[in-house]
Amino acid sequence: MIPLLTFSQVIQDLEFIGPANEGHIPVLKNNKWGFLNSQGELTVNFRNDLIHNEKTSSKTDVGVASQQFPGMYDGRIIIKKVTDEIPYYGFIDSSGKTVIEPEFLNVSNFKNGQALALKIEEKSLGRNDLLDITIKSYKYDVVLIDREGEVKQYLAGPFPVAVSREKLREAPRIEARWVSENLIAVKSPQKKWEIHKI
């Protein structure tokens, strides 16, 4: 009888191993996050745009500041892209492919095929010829999106926001909680709650 040798893949020098969710495990190596499947195979390569925070925000904030480490929810993982020093958020799938472009000021994890997001709108107010600039105003709405990033429902807003690197270093909070399977409570910047039927 000839002995059968098997070789296993060993992923070494990991700095952190997060809890498994949906059969995927977040792992940190060289300050980059990746995901292993339950067989130990690297399904999402190590990258630096996955969301993690050493300190997390309040219980009612369901946005990116509440994420201690990356997680997969409904087959989606939050990513961050910085444009003109402003962070925008989107999602990749379980293979690492971008499925929702980073275009939101903040997002929550998916639950039952839906996620909360802060959708930004830009409005041109005119032009200053002396300074050679277009004057713009920005506002955002709290919206419910589907797994493809399509807005399914507007929940709150619009709320004014200053989009500049000095004013928007952190994402505006998404303060919300699921009241039931079909109801979600959203807290406005004025600290008032509204309940929406989904």
Protein backbone atom coordinates (compact mmCIF):
# COMPACT_ATOMS: atom_id res chain seq x y z
CA MET A 1 0.00 0.00 0.00
CA ILE A 2 1.29 3.48 -0.94
CA PRO A 3 0.74 6.26 1.62
CA LEU A 4 -1.38 9.15 0.35
CA LEU A 5 0.04 12.58 1.10
CA THR A 6 -2.17 15.63 1.17
CA PHE A 7 -1.05 19.21 1.22
CA SER A 8 -3.04 21.88 2.96
CA GLN A 9 -2.99 25.59 2.37
CA VAL A 10 -1.59 27.44 5.36
CA ILE A 11 -2.21 31.15 5.71
CA GLN A 12 0.41 32.49 8.07
CA ASP A 13 1.23 35.69 9.91
CA LEU A 14 -2.38 36.75 10.46
CA GLU A 15 -2.81 39.68 12.85
CA PHE A 16 -6.51 39.13 13.54
CA ILE A 17 -9.19 36.56 12.80
CA GLY A 18 -12.79 37.77 13.06
CA PRO A 19 -15.92 35.74 13.62
CA ALA A 20 -17.38 33.77 10.72
CA ASN A 21 -20.56 35.03 9.13
CA GLU A 22 -22.31 33.37 6.18
CA GLY A 23 -19.42 30.90 5.97
CA HIS A 24 -16.79 33.62 5.50
CA ILE A 25 -14.13 34.68 8.01
CA PRO A 26 -12.47 38.13 7.97
CA VAL A 27 -8.69 37.96 8.45
CA LEU A 28 -6.10 40.72 8.82
CA LYS A 29 -2.57 40.46 7.43
CA ASN A 30 -0.09 43.31 6.89
CA ASN A 31 -2.83 45.85 7.73
CA LYS A 32 -5.03 44.52 4.92
CA TRP A 33 -8.24 42.51 5.27
CA GLY A 34 -9.31 39.47 3.31
CA PHE A 35 -11.88 36.69 3.68
CA LEU A 36 -11.50 32.94 4.02
CA ASN A 37 -14.31 30.51 3.33
CA SER A 38 -15.13 27.70 5.75
CA GLN A 39 -12.63 25.42 3.96
CA GLY A 40 -9.80 27.89 4.65
CA GLU A 41 -9.54 29.15 1.06
CA LEU A 42 -8.90 32.84 0.46
CA THR A 43 -12.03 34.03 -1.39
CA VAL A 44 -11.49 37.79 -1.08
CA ASN A 45 -7.85 38.75 -1.49
CA PHE A 46 -6.19 41.03 1.07
CA ARG A 47 -7.08 44.66 0.38
CA ASN A 48 -7.05 48.02 2.17
CA ASP A 49 -10.57 49.27 1.37
CA LEU A 50 -12.59 47.03 3.71
CA ILE A 51 -14.22 48.72 6.72
CA HIS A 52 -12.89 48.30 10.27
CA ASN A 53 -12.71 50.51 13.36
CA GLU A 54 -10.76 50.12 16.59
CA LYS A 55 -13.49 52.04 18.42
CA THR A 56 -17.09 51.70 17.35
CA SER A 57 -19.92 54.20 17.60
CA SER A 58 -23.19 54.14 19.54
CA LYS A 59 -25.76 51.34 19.55
CA THR A 60 -28.15 53.29 17.32
CA ASP A 61 -25.52 54.06 14.65
CA VAL A 62 -25.72 51.27 12.06
CA GLY A 63 -23.30 52.86 9.59
CA VAL A 64 -19.62 52.26 8.89
CA ALA A 65 -18.48 53.66 12.27
CA SER A 66 -20.26 50.74 13.95
CA GLN A 67 -18.12 48.15 12.12
CA GLN A 68 -15.33 46.77 14.33
CA PHE A 69 -14.10 44.57 11.46
CA PRO A 70 -15.29 43.66 7.95
CA GLY A 71 -18.26 41.34 7.70
CA MET A 72 -20.25 39.61 5.01
CA TYR A 73 -24.00 40.13 5.19
CA ASP A 74 -26.36 38.89 2.47
CA GLY A 75 -23.29 38.21 0.34
CA ARG A 76 -22.12 41.84 0.50
CA ILE A 77 -19.07 43.45 2.14
CA ILE A 78 -18.69 47.23 2.66
CA ILE A 79 -15.82 48.98 0.87
CA LYS A 80 -14.51 52.55 1.07
CA LYS A 81 -13.11 54.78 -1.67
CA VAL A 82 -11.70 58.24 -0.98
CA THR A 83 -12.31 60.87 -3.69
CA ASP A 84 -11.02 64.43 -3.16
CA GLU A 85 -10.33 63.39 0.46
CA ILE A 86 -14.02 62.52 1.03
CA PRO A 87 -14.85 58.88 1.89
CA TYR A 88 -17.60 57.16 -0.12
CA TYR A 89 -18.94 53.66 0.49
CA GLY A 90 -20.16 50.77 -1.65
CA PHE A 91 -20.08 46.96 -1.64
CA ILE A 92 -18.23 43.97 -3.03
CA ASP A 93 -19.56 40.41 -3.30
CA SER A 94 -18.10 37.20 -1.85
CA SER A 95 -15.54 36.97 -4.70
CA GLY A 96 -14.25 40.52 -4.19
CA LYS A 97 -16.01 41.98 -7.26
CA THR A 98 -17.44 45.49 -6.83
CA VAL A 99 -21.23 45.17 -7.14
CA ILE A 100 -22.25 48.60 -5.78
CA GLU A 101 -19.87 51.44 -6.59
CA PRO A 102 -18.73 53.60 -3.65
CA GLU A 103 -21.12 56.54 -4.07
CA PHE A 104 -22.82 56.81 -0.66
CA LEU A 105 -21.74 58.98 2.29
CA ASN A 106 -22.48 56.07 4.64
CA VAL A 107 -24.01 52.59 4.49
CA SER A 108 -25.19 49.85 6.82
CA ASN A 109 -24.69 46.13 6.41
CA PHE A 110 -27.33 44.29 4.40
CA LYS A 111 -30.20 42.52 6.14
CA ASN A 112 -32.89 40.60 4.25
CA GLY A 113 -31.62 41.98 0.93
CA GLN A 114 -31.74 45.64 2.05
CA ALA A 115 -29.30 48.17 3.47
CA LEU A 116 -29.55 51.75 4.65
CA ALA A 117 -27.47 54.36 2.85
CA LEU A 118 -26.91 58.11 2.78
CA LYS A 119 -27.43 59.15 -0.83
CA ILE A 120 -25.81 62.47 -1.69
CA GLU A 121 -27.17 64.96 -4.20
CA GLU A 122 -25.26 67.83 -5.73
CA LYS A 123 -26.98 70.99 -6.99
CA SER A 124 -25.27 73.71 -9.00
CA LEU A 125 -26.17 77.16 -7.67
CA GLY A 126 -24.31 79.16 -10.28
CA ARG A 127 -20.86 80.23 -11.30
CA ASN A 128 -18.40 82.68 -9.79
CA ASP A 129 -16.49 83.97 -12.82
CA LEU A 130 -14.13 86.03 -10.68
CA LEU A 131 -12.87 82.93 -8.85
CA ASP A 132 -13.53 80.63 -11.84
CA ILE A 133 -15.52 78.12 -9.78
CA THR A 134 -18.98 76.59 -9.85
CA ILE A 135 -20.89 77.11 -6.61
CA LYS A 136 -22.59 73.93 -5.43
CA SER A 137 -24.75 72.82 -2.55
CA TYR A 138 -25.05 69.28 -1.23
CA LYS A 139 -27.70 67.37 0.65
CA TYR A 140 -28.27 63.75 1.54
CA ASP A 141 -31.23 61.48 2.09
CA VAL A 142 -31.47 58.33 4.20
CA VAL A 143 -32.51 55.65 1.72
CA LEU A 144 -33.12 51.92 1.61
CA ILE A 145 -31.18 50.15 -1.18
CA ASP A 146 -31.35 46.66 -2.63
CA ARG A 147 -28.45 44.26 -3.30
CA GLU A 148 -27.72 45.99 -6.62
CA GLY A 149 -27.59 49.47 -5.05
CA GLU A 150 -30.95 50.65 -6.41
CA VAL A 151 -32.90 52.98 -4.13
CA LYS A 152 -36.09 51.23 -3.02
CA GLN A 153 -37.39 53.81 -0.58
CA TYR A 154 -36.54 57.30 0.68
CA LEU A 155 -36.79 57.32 4.49
CA ALA A 156 -35.61 60.73 5.72
CA GLY A 157 -34.14 63.95 4.41
CA PRO A 158 -32.97 65.84 2.62
CA PHE A 159 -30.38 67.10 5.09
CA PRO A 160 -27.75 69.69 4.15
CA VAL A 161 -24.12 68.61 4.30
CA ALA A 162 -20.83 70.40 3.67
CA VAL A 163 -18.75 68.27 1.33
CA SER A 164 -15.16 69.29 1.95
CA ARG A 165 -12.14 67.59 3.47
CA GLU A 166 -12.29 69.98 6.43
CA LYS A 167 -15.98 69.41 7.19
CA LEU A 168 -16.53 65.76 6.23
CA ARG A 169 -13.68 63.72 7.69
CA GLU A 170 -16.12 61.15 9.05
CA ALA A 171 -19.30 59.79 7.56
CA PRO A 172 -22.56 61.28 8.88
CA ARG A 173 -24.15 58.73 11.19
CA ILE A 174 -27.04 56.46 10.21
CA GLU A 175 -29.03 56.17 13.38
CA ALA A 176 -31.66 53.52 12.88
CA ARG A 177 -32.91 50.20 14.12
CA TRP A 178 -35.21 47.51 12.87
CA VAL A 179 -38.39 47.61 14.98
CA SER A 180 -39.81 44.52 13.28
CA GLU A 181 -39.34 42.67 10.02
CA ASN A 182 -41.39 45.33 8.19
CA LEU A 183 -40.70 48.44 10.28
CA ILE A 184 -37.56 50.52 10.64
CA ALA A 185 -37.02 53.49 12.95
CA VAL A 186 -34.74 56.26 11.68
CA LYS A 187 -33.38 59.12 13.80
CA SER A 188 -32.93 62.46 12.04
CA PRO A 189 -30.06 64.89 12.70
CA GLN A 190 -32.65 66.83 14.78
CA LYS A 191 -32.70 63.78 17.15
CA LYS A 192 -36.32 62.84 16.37
CA TRP A 193 -37.37 59.28 15.49
CA GLU A 194 -39.61 58.29 12.58
CA ILE A 195 -40.97 54.80 11.94
CA HIS A 196 -41.21 53.64 8.33
CA LYS A 197 -43.04 50.66 6.89
CA ILE A 198 -40.80 48.72 4.54
